[in-house]
Amino acid sequence: MKVSVWDTYVQRTDDRVMHFDILVPSDVTAEDTIFSYGNDYLQSKAIEGTQLTAKECKFCHIEKASDEVISAIAQKGYFIIEMENCN
């Protein structure tokens, strides 16, 4: 499976920048769908007051998915890779 990687940066209320990647099947191209996945993730981390837009979340590249990513996508439609300040 090929996945699209969406590079995402969110300003937190503690002045740190949260950086994570949203991975979706490469045929998912609707930005509203991808932003909703990112917003779901932010909500799961109790990050409030932020709505993802094209300013925070941009398409980066396409890559081959690992088994872990494929399994997560099968369950919820997307996979998050936490990069910086996600905890």
PDB file of N, CA and C in Angstrom:
ATOM      1  N   MET A   1       0.845  -1.175   0.000  1.00  0.00           N
ATOM      2  CA  MET A   1       0.000   0.000   0.000  1.00  0.00           C
ATOM      3  C   MET A   1       0.891   1.238   0.000  1.00  0.00           C
ATOM      4  N   LYS A   2       0.515   2.202  -0.812  1.00  0.00           N
ATOM      5  CA  LYS A   2       1.203   3.495  -0.838  1.00  0.00           C
ATOM      6  C   LYS A   2       0.393   4.476  -0.009  1.00  0.00           C
ATOM      7  N   VAL A   3       1.102   5.289   0.773  1.00  0.00           N
ATOM      8  CA  VAL A   3       0.445   6.294   1.610  1.00  0.00           C
ATOM      9  C   VAL A   3       0.995   7.681   1.314  1.00  0.00           C
ATOM     10  N   SER A   4       0.119   8.657   1.448  1.00  0.00           N
ATOM     11  CA  SER A   4       0.525  10.053   1.367  1.00  0.00           C
ATOM     12  C   SER A   4       0.890  10.521   2.765  1.00  0.00           C
ATOM     13  N   VAL A   5       1.972  11.268   2.858  1.00  0.00           N
ATOM     14  CA  VAL A   5       2.436  11.815   4.124  1.00  0.00           C
ATOM     15  C   VAL A   5       2.140  13.313   4.134  1.00  0.00           C
ATOM     16  N   TRP A   6       1.404  13.738   5.144  1.00  0.00           N
ATOM     17  CA  TRP A   6       1.036  15.151   5.306  1.00  0.00           C
ATOM     18  C   TRP A   6       1.780  15.684   6.523  1.00  0.00           C
ATOM     19  N   ASP A   7       2.715  16.584   6.294  1.00  0.00           N
ATOM     20  CA  ASP A   7       3.556  17.184   7.318  1.00  0.00           C
ATOM     21  C   ASP A   7       2.747  18.257   8.047  1.00  0.00           C
ATOM     22  N   THR A   8       2.674  18.148   9.384  1.00  0.00           N
ATOM     23  CA  THR A   8       1.767  18.994  10.150  1.00  0.00           C
ATOM     24  C   THR A   8       2.486  19.642  11.331  1.00  0.00           C
ATOM     25  N   TYR A   9       2.294  20.967  11.456  1.00  0.00           N
ATOM     26  CA  TYR A   9       2.855  21.749  12.554  1.00  0.00           C
ATOM     27  C   TYR A   9       1.739  22.544  13.206  1.00  0.00           C
ATOM     28  N   VAL A  10       1.604  22.405  14.527  1.00  0.00           N
ATOM     29  CA  VAL A  10       0.541  23.083  15.257  1.00  0.00           C
ATOM     30  C   VAL A  10       1.159  23.857  16.424  1.00  0.00           C
ATOM     31  N   GLN A  11       0.819  25.135  16.520  1.00  0.00           N
ATOM     32  CA  GLN A  11       1.264  25.955  17.650  1.00  0.00           C
ATOM     33  C   GLN A  11       0.436  25.589  18.875  1.00  0.00           C
ATOM     34  N   ARG A  12       1.114  25.174  19.932  1.00  0.00           N
ATOM     35  CA  ARG A  12       0.434  24.830  21.177  1.00  0.00           C
ATOM     36  C   ARG A  12       0.294  26.056  22.062  1.00  0.00           C
ATOM     37  N   THR A  13      -0.586  25.983  23.045  1.00  0.00           N
ATOM     38  CA  THR A  13      -0.795  27.116  23.945  1.00  0.00           C
ATOM     39  C   THR A  13       0.402  27.349  24.863  1.00  0.00           C
ATOM     40  N   ASP A  14       1.282  26.342  25.009  1.00  0.00           N
ATOM     41  CA  ASP A  14       2.483  26.513  25.848  1.00  0.00           C
ATOM     42  C   ASP A  14       3.672  27.019  25.024  1.00  0.00           C
ATOM     43  N   ASP A  15       3.391  27.554  23.838  1.00  0.00           N
ATOM     44  CA  ASP A  15       4.382  28.149  22.930  1.00  0.00           C
ATOM     45  C   ASP A  15       5.310  27.143  22.250  1.00  0.00           C
ATOM     46  N   ARG A  16       5.065  25.859  22.450  1.00  0.00           N
ATOM     47  CA  ARG A  16       5.829  24.858  21.709  1.00  0.00           C
ATOM     48  C   ARG A  16       5.091  24.529  20.420  1.00  0.00           C
ATOM     49  N   VAL A  17       5.849  24.087  19.425  1.00  0.00           N
ATOM     50  CA  VAL A  17       5.256  23.690  18.152  1.00  0.00           C
ATOM     51  C   VAL A  17       5.205  22.171  18.101  1.00  0.00           C
ATOM     52  N   MET A  18       4.003  21.666  17.911  1.00  0.00           N
ATOM     53  CA  MET A  18       3.759  20.229  17.805  1.00  0.00           C
ATOM     54  C   MET A  18       3.945  19.829  16.338  1.00  0.00           C
ATOM     55  N   HIS A  19       4.775  18.825  16.081  1.00  0.00           N
ATOM     56  CA  HIS A  19       5.047  18.361  14.716  1.00  0.00           C
ATOM     57  C   HIS A  19       4.691  16.882  14.626  1.00  0.00           C
ATOM     58  N   PHE A  20       3.812  16.560  13.674  1.00  0.00           N
ATOM     59  CA  PHE A  20       3.445  15.170  13.433  1.00  0.00           C
ATOM     60  C   PHE A  20       3.100  14.991  11.966  1.00  0.00           C
ATOM     61  N   ASP A  21       3.154  13.744  11.509  1.00  0.00           N
ATOM     62  CA  ASP A  21       2.777  13.410  10.141  1.00  0.00           C
ATOM     63  C   ASP A  21       1.468  12.635  10.162  1.00  0.00           C
ATOM     64  N   ILE A  22       0.596  12.963   9.227  1.00  0.00           N
ATOM     65  CA  ILE A  22      -0.643  12.218   9.032  1.00  0.00           C
ATOM     66  C   ILE A  22      -0.444  11.359   7.791  1.00  0.00           C
ATOM     67  N   LEU A  23      -0.580  10.045   7.924  1.00  0.00           N
ATOM     68  CA  LEU A  23      -0.448   9.125   6.800  1.00  0.00           C
ATOM     69  C   LEU A  23      -1.822   8.608   6.414  1.00  0.00           C
ATOM     70  N   VAL A  24      -2.142   8.717   5.130  1.00  0.00           N
ATOM     71  CA  VAL A  24      -3.421   8.259   4.593  1.00  0.00           C
ATOM     72  C   VAL A  24      -3.160   7.487   3.308  1.00  0.00           C
ATOM     73  N   PRO A  25      -4.086   6.624   2.894  1.00  0.00           N
ATOM     74  CA  PRO A  25      -3.916   5.961   1.601  1.00  0.00           C
ATOM     75  C   PRO A  25      -3.708   7.017   0.510  1.00  0.00           C
ATOM     76  N   SER A  26      -2.858   6.714  -0.453  1.00  0.00           N
ATOM     77  CA  SER A  26      -2.495   7.712  -1.468  1.00  0.00           C
ATOM     78  C   SER A  26      -3.683   8.160  -2.316  1.00  0.00           C
ATOM     79  N   ASP A  27      -4.760   7.379  -2.330  1.00  0.00           N
ATOM     80  CA  ASP A  27      -5.933   7.796  -3.111  1.00  0.00           C
ATOM     81  C   ASP A  27      -6.855   8.732  -2.330  1.00  0.00           C
ATOM     82  N   VAL A  28      -6.549   8.987  -1.053  1.00  0.00           N
ATOM     83  CA  VAL A  28      -7.306   9.957  -0.265  1.00  0.00           C
ATOM     84  C   VAL A  28      -6.648  11.316  -0.483  1.00  0.00           C
ATOM     85  N   THR A  29      -7.370  12.200  -1.165  1.00  0.00           N
ATOM     86  CA  THR A  29      -6.791  13.500  -1.502  1.00  0.00           C
ATOM     87  C   THR A  29      -7.616  14.677  -0.982  1.00  0.00           C
ATOM     88  N   ALA A  30      -8.778  14.424  -0.427  1.00  0.00           N
ATOM     89  CA  ALA A  30      -9.636  15.494   0.073  1.00  0.00           C
ATOM     90  C   ALA A  30      -9.017  16.098   1.336  1.00  0.00           C
ATOM     91  N   GLU A  31      -8.611  17.349   1.236  1.00  0.00           N
ATOM     92  CA  GLU A  31      -7.960  17.986   2.372  1.00  0.00           C
ATOM     93  C   GLU A  31      -8.863  18.015   3.603  1.00  0.00           C
ATOM     94  N   ASP A  32     -10.146  18.227   3.433  1.00  0.00           N
ATOM     95  CA  ASP A  32     -11.056  18.252   4.586  1.00  0.00           C
ATOM     96  C   ASP A  32     -11.008  16.935   5.360  1.00  0.00           C
ATOM     97  N   THR A  33     -10.916  15.828   4.645  1.00  0.00           N
ATOM     98  CA  THR A  33     -10.827  14.516   5.286  1.00  0.00           C
ATOM     99  C   THR A  33      -9.527  14.395   6.064  1.00  0.00           C
ATOM    100  N   ILE A  34      -8.428  14.786   5.446  1.00  0.00           N
ATOM    101  CA  ILE A  34      -7.116  14.685   6.088  1.00  0.00           C
ATOM    102  C   ILE A  34      -7.050  15.608   7.303  1.00  0.00           C
ATOM    103  N   PHE A  35      -7.563  16.832   7.158  1.00  0.00           N
ATOM    104  CA  PHE A  35      -7.578  17.755   8.292  1.00  0.00           C
ATOM    105  C   PHE A  35      -8.433  17.203   9.425  1.00  0.00           C
ATOM    106  N   SER A  36      -9.533  16.531   9.107  1.00  0.00           N
ATOM    107  CA  SER A  36     -10.380  15.963  10.162  1.00  0.00           C
ATOM    108  C   SER A  36      -9.636  14.866  10.920  1.00  0.00           C
ATOM    109  N   TYR A  37      -8.812  14.078  10.224  1.00  0.00           N
ATOM    110  CA  TYR A  37      -7.992  13.072  10.909  1.00  0.00           C
ATOM    111  C   TYR A  37      -7.017  13.747  11.873  1.00  0.00           C
ATOM    112  N   GLY A  38      -6.389  14.814  11.415  1.00  0.00           N
ATOM    113  CA  GLY A  38      -5.469  15.553  12.285  1.00  0.00           C
ATOM    114  C   GLY A  38      -6.180  16.167  13.470  1.00  0.00           C
ATOM    115  N   ASN A  39      -7.379  16.699  13.248  1.00  0.00           N
ATOM    116  CA  ASN A  39      -8.151  17.265  14.346  1.00  0.00           C
ATOM    117  C   ASN A  39      -8.566  16.193  15.350  1.00  0.00           C
ATOM    118  N   ASP A  40      -8.901  15.000  14.871  1.00  0.00           N
ATOM    119  CA  ASP A  40      -9.213  13.881  15.774  1.00  0.00           C
ATOM    120  C   ASP A  40      -8.003  13.559  16.648  1.00  0.00           C
ATOM    121  N   TYR A  41      -6.832  13.527  16.026  1.00  0.00           N
ATOM    122  CA  TYR A  41      -5.595  13.252  16.768  1.00  0.00           C
ATOM    123  C   TYR A  41      -5.355  14.341  17.819  1.00  0.00           C
ATOM    124  N   LEU A  42      -5.487  15.608  17.424  1.00  0.00           N
ATOM    125  CA  LEU A  42      -5.282  16.703  18.374  1.00  0.00           C
ATOM    126  C   LEU A  42      -6.250  16.597  19.544  1.00  0.00           C
ATOM    127  N   GLN A  43      -7.488  16.252  19.263  1.00  0.00           N
ATOM    128  CA  GLN A  43      -8.479  16.085  20.321  1.00  0.00           C
ATOM    129  C   GLN A  43      -8.075  14.947  21.261  1.00  0.00           C
ATOM    130  N   SER A  44      -7.522  13.870  20.711  1.00  0.00           N
ATOM    131  CA  SER A  44      -7.088  12.741  21.548  1.00  0.00           C
ATOM    132  C   SER A  44      -5.930  13.127  22.464  1.00  0.00           C
ATOM    133  N   LYS A  45      -5.206  14.178  22.087  1.00  0.00           N
ATOM    134  CA  LYS A  45      -4.083  14.677  22.881  1.00  0.00           C
ATOM    135  C   LYS A  45      -4.486  15.853  23.766  1.00  0.00           C
ATOM    136  N   ALA A  46      -5.788  16.175  23.793  1.00  0.00           N
ATOM    137  CA  ALA A  46      -6.331  17.287  24.577  1.00  0.00           C
ATOM    138  C   ALA A  46      -5.740  18.623  24.144  1.00  0.00           C
ATOM    139  N   ILE A  47      -5.442  18.757  22.852  1.00  0.00           N
ATOM    140  CA  ILE A  47      -5.014  20.032  22.284  1.00  0.00           C
ATOM    141  C   ILE A  47      -6.261  20.677  21.715  1.00  0.00           C
ATOM    142  N   GLU A  48      -6.685  21.774  22.336  1.00  0.00           N
ATOM    143  CA  GLU A  48      -7.930  22.403  21.930  1.00  0.00           C
ATOM    144  C   GLU A  48      -7.675  23.784  21.353  1.00  0.00           C
ATOM    145  N   GLY A  49      -8.668  24.298  20.654  1.00  0.00           N
ATOM    146  CA  GLY A  49      -8.584  25.639  20.106  1.00  0.00           C
ATOM    147  C   GLY A  49      -7.841  25.729  18.788  1.00  0.00           C
ATOM    148  N   THR A  50      -7.566  24.586  18.164  1.00  0.00           N
ATOM    149  CA  THR A  50      -6.854  24.576  16.884  1.00  0.00           C
ATOM    150  C   THR A  50      -7.663  23.784  15.871  1.00  0.00           C
ATOM    151  N   GLN A  51      -7.856  24.352  14.708  1.00  0.00           N
ATOM    152  CA  GLN A  51      -8.459  23.647  13.584  1.00  0.00           C
ATOM    153  C   GLN A  51      -7.432  23.616  12.466  1.00  0.00           C
ATOM    154  N   LEU A  52      -7.093  22.436  12.005  1.00  0.00           N
ATOM    155  CA  LEU A  52      -6.087  22.327  10.951  1.00  0.00           C
ATOM    156  C   LEU A  52      -6.580  22.925   9.646  1.00  0.00           C
ATOM    157  N   THR A  53      -5.669  23.591   8.976  1.00  0.00           N
ATOM    158  CA  THR A  53      -5.918  24.142   7.644  1.00  0.00           C
ATOM    159  C   THR A  53      -4.674  23.874   6.800  1.00  0.00           C
ATOM    160  N   ALA A  54      -4.693  24.344   5.575  1.00  0.00           N
ATOM    161  CA  ALA A  54      -3.530  24.186   4.695  1.00  0.00           C
ATOM    162  C   ALA A  54      -2.311  24.934   5.238  1.00  0.00           C
ATOM    163  N   LYS A  55      -2.513  25.866   6.152  1.00  0.00           N
ATOM    164  CA  LYS A  55      -1.387  26.577   6.766  1.00  0.00           C
ATOM    165  C   LYS A  55      -0.571  25.649   7.664  1.00  0.00           C
ATOM    166  N   GLU A  56      -1.240  24.760   8.399  1.00  0.00           N
ATOM    167  CA  GLU A  56      -0.564  23.866   9.345  1.00  0.00           C
ATOM    168  C   GLU A  56      -0.223  22.502   8.761  1.00  0.00           C
ATOM    169  N   CYS A  57      -0.927  22.094   7.728  1.00  0.00           N
ATOM    170  CA  CYS A  57      -0.837  20.715   7.240  1.00  0.00           C
ATOM    171  C   CYS A  57      -0.663  20.715   5.720  1.00  0.00           C
ATOM    172  N   LYS A  58       0.474  20.184   5.261  1.00  0.00           N
ATOM    173  CA  LYS A  58       0.776  20.193   3.825  1.00  0.00           C
ATOM    174  C   LYS A  58       1.214  18.809   3.345  1.00  0.00           C
ATOM    175  N   PHE A  59       0.798  18.480   2.119  1.00  0.00           N
ATOM    176  CA  PHE A  59       1.259  17.234   1.509  1.00  0.00           C
ATOM    177  C   PHE A  59       2.774  17.286   1.385  1.00  0.00           C
ATOM    178  N   CYS A  60       3.427  16.175   1.708  1.00  0.00           N
ATOM    179  CA  CYS A  60       4.888  16.107   1.660  1.00  0.00           C
ATOM    180  C   CYS A  60       5.363  15.141   0.580  1.00  0.00           C
ATOM    181  N   HIS A  61       4.961  13.861   0.694  1.00  0.00           N
ATOM    182  CA  HIS A  61       5.409  12.859  -0.275  1.00  0.00           C
ATOM    183  C   HIS A  61       4.570  11.590  -0.150  1.00  0.00           C
ATOM    184  N   ILE A  62       4.850  10.628  -1.034  1.00  0.00           N
ATOM    185  CA  ILE A  62       4.198   9.313  -1.005  1.00  0.00           C
ATOM    186  C   ILE A  62       5.269   8.274  -0.708  1.00  0.00           C
ATOM    187  N   GLU A  63       4.926   7.311   0.135  1.00  0.00           N
ATOM    188  CA  GLU A  63       5.866   6.238   0.464  1.00  0.00           C
ATOM    189  C   GLU A  63       5.115   4.928   0.643  1.00  0.00           C
ATOM    190  N   LYS A  64       5.873   3.854   0.718  1.00  0.00           N
ATOM    191  CA  LYS A  64       5.287   2.533   0.947  1.00  0.00           C
ATOM    192  C   LYS A  64       5.007   2.369   2.437  1.00  0.00           C
ATOM    193  N   ALA A  65       3.823   1.878   2.767  1.00  0.00           N
ATOM    194  CA  ALA A  65       3.406   1.730   4.159  1.00  0.00           C
ATOM    195  C   ALA A  65       3.960   0.457   4.777  1.00  0.00           C
ATOM    196  N   SER A  66       4.297   0.548   6.053  1.00  0.00           N
ATOM    197  CA  SER A  66       4.703  -0.629   6.825  1.00  0.00           C
ATOM    198  C   SER A  66       3.445  -1.395   7.238  1.00  0.00           C
ATOM    199  N   ASP A  67       3.630  -2.600   7.760  1.00  0.00           N
ATOM    200  CA  ASP A  67       2.497  -3.407   8.228  1.00  0.00           C
ATOM    201  C   ASP A  67       1.733  -2.701   9.352  1.00  0.00           C
ATOM    202  N   GLU A  68       2.454  -2.033  10.251  1.00  0.00           N
ATOM    203  CA  GLU A  68       1.818  -1.301  11.350  1.00  0.00           C
ATOM    204  C   GLU A  68       0.910  -0.197  10.813  1.00  0.00           C
ATOM    205  N   VAL A  69       1.390   0.530   9.815  1.00  0.00           N
ATOM    206  CA  VAL A  69       0.607   1.621   9.222  1.00  0.00           C
ATOM    207  C   VAL A  69      -0.617   1.065   8.505  1.00  0.00           C
ATOM    208  N   ILE A  70      -0.439  -0.006   7.749  1.00  0.00           N
ATOM    209  CA  ILE A  70      -1.557  -0.628   7.027  1.00  0.00           C
ATOM    210  C   ILE A  70      -2.634  -1.076   8.007  1.00  0.00           C
ATOM    211  N   SER A  71      -2.234  -1.675   9.115  1.00  0.00           N
ATOM    212  CA  SER A  71      -3.186  -2.142  10.118  1.00  0.00           C
ATOM    213  C   SER A  71      -3.966  -0.977  10.726  1.00  0.00           C
ATOM    214  N   ALA A  72      -3.273   0.107  11.068  1.00  0.00           N
ATOM    215  CA  ALA A  72      -3.943   1.273  11.655  1.00  0.00           C
ATOM    216  C   ALA A  72      -4.899   1.909  10.662  1.00  0.00           C
ATOM    217  N   ILE A  73      -4.481   2.010   9.410  1.00  0.00           N
ATOM    218  CA  ILE A  73      -5.339   2.601   8.381  1.00  0.00           C
ATOM    219  C   ILE A  73      -6.589   1.745   8.176  1.00  0.00           C
ATOM    220  N   ALA A  74      -6.439   0.434   8.244  1.00  0.00           N
ATOM    221  CA  ALA A  74      -7.596  -0.453   8.102  1.00  0.00           C
ATOM    222  C   ALA A  74      -8.599  -0.230   9.234  1.00  0.00           C
ATOM    223  N   GLN A  75      -8.105   0.139  10.422  1.00  0.00           N
ATOM    224  CA  GLN A  75      -8.985   0.337  11.575  1.00  0.00           C
ATOM    225  C   GLN A  75      -9.623   1.714  11.620  1.00  0.00           C
ATOM    226  N   LYS A  76      -8.832   2.773  11.353  1.00  0.00           N
ATOM    227  CA  LYS A  76      -9.398   4.107  11.529  1.00  0.00           C
ATOM    228  C   LYS A  76      -9.201   5.057  10.354  1.00  0.00           C
ATOM    229  N   GLY A  77      -8.570   4.584   9.288  1.00  0.00           N
ATOM    230  CA  GLY A  77      -8.457   5.399   8.078  1.00  0.00           C
ATOM    231  C   GLY A  77      -7.167   6.179   7.944  1.00  0.00           C
ATOM    232  N   TYR A  78      -6.395   6.281   9.027  1.00  0.00           N
ATOM    233  CA  TYR A  78      -5.165   7.065   9.000  1.00  0.00           C
ATOM    234  C   TYR A  78      -4.191   6.551  10.056  1.00  0.00           C
ATOM    235  N   PHE A  79      -2.958   7.075  10.003  1.00  0.00           N
ATOM    236  CA  PHE A  79      -1.931   6.753  10.986  1.00  0.00           C
ATOM    237  C   PHE A  79      -1.171   8.030  11.286  1.00  0.00           C
ATOM    238  N   ILE A  80      -0.807   8.233  12.545  1.00  0.00           N
ATOM    239  CA  ILE A  80      -0.046   9.412  12.952  1.00  0.00           C
ATOM    240  C   ILE A  80       1.359   8.999  13.355  1.00  0.00           C
ATOM    241  N   ILE A  81       2.342   9.725  12.831  1.00  0.00           N
ATOM    242  CA  ILE A  81       3.719   9.593  13.302  1.00  0.00           C
ATOM    243  C   ILE A  81       4.030  10.841  14.122  1.00  0.00           C
ATOM    244  N   GLU A  82       4.276  10.659  15.418  1.00  0.00           N
ATOM    245  CA  GLU A  82       4.609  11.772  16.286  1.00  0.00           C
ATOM    246  C   GLU A  82       6.076  12.130  16.109  1.00  0.00           C
ATOM    247  N   MET A  83       6.343  13.410  15.847  1.00  0.00           N
ATOM    248  CA  MET A  83       7.709  13.847  15.595  1.00  0.00           C
ATOM    249  C   MET A  83       8.268  14.688  16.765  1.00  0.00           C
ATOM    250  N   GLU A  84       7.598  15.793  17.095  1.00  0.00           N
ATOM    251  CA  GLU A  84       8.102  16.687  18.136  1.00  0.00           C
ATOM    252  C   GLU A  84       6.945  17.243  18.970  1.00  0.00           C
ATOM    253  N   ASN A  85       7.201  17.345  20.278  1.00  0.00           N
ATOM    254  CA  ASN A  85       6.280  18.013  21.213  1.00  0.00           C
ATOM    255  C   ASN A  85       4.850  17.491  21.144  1.00  0.00           C
ATOM    256  N   CYS A  86       4.705  16.191  21.008  1.00  0.00           N
ATOM    257  CA  CYS A  86       3.374  15.578  20.909  1.00  0.00           C
ATOM    258  C   CYS A  86       2.874  15.072  22.257  1.00  0.00           C
ATOM    259  N   ASN A  87       3.687  15.146  23.272  1.00  0.00           N
ATOM    260  CA  ASN A  87       3.279  14.685  24.604  1.00  0.00           C
ATOM    261  C   ASN A  87       3.328  15.797  25.611  1.00  0.00           C
TER     262      ASN A  87
END
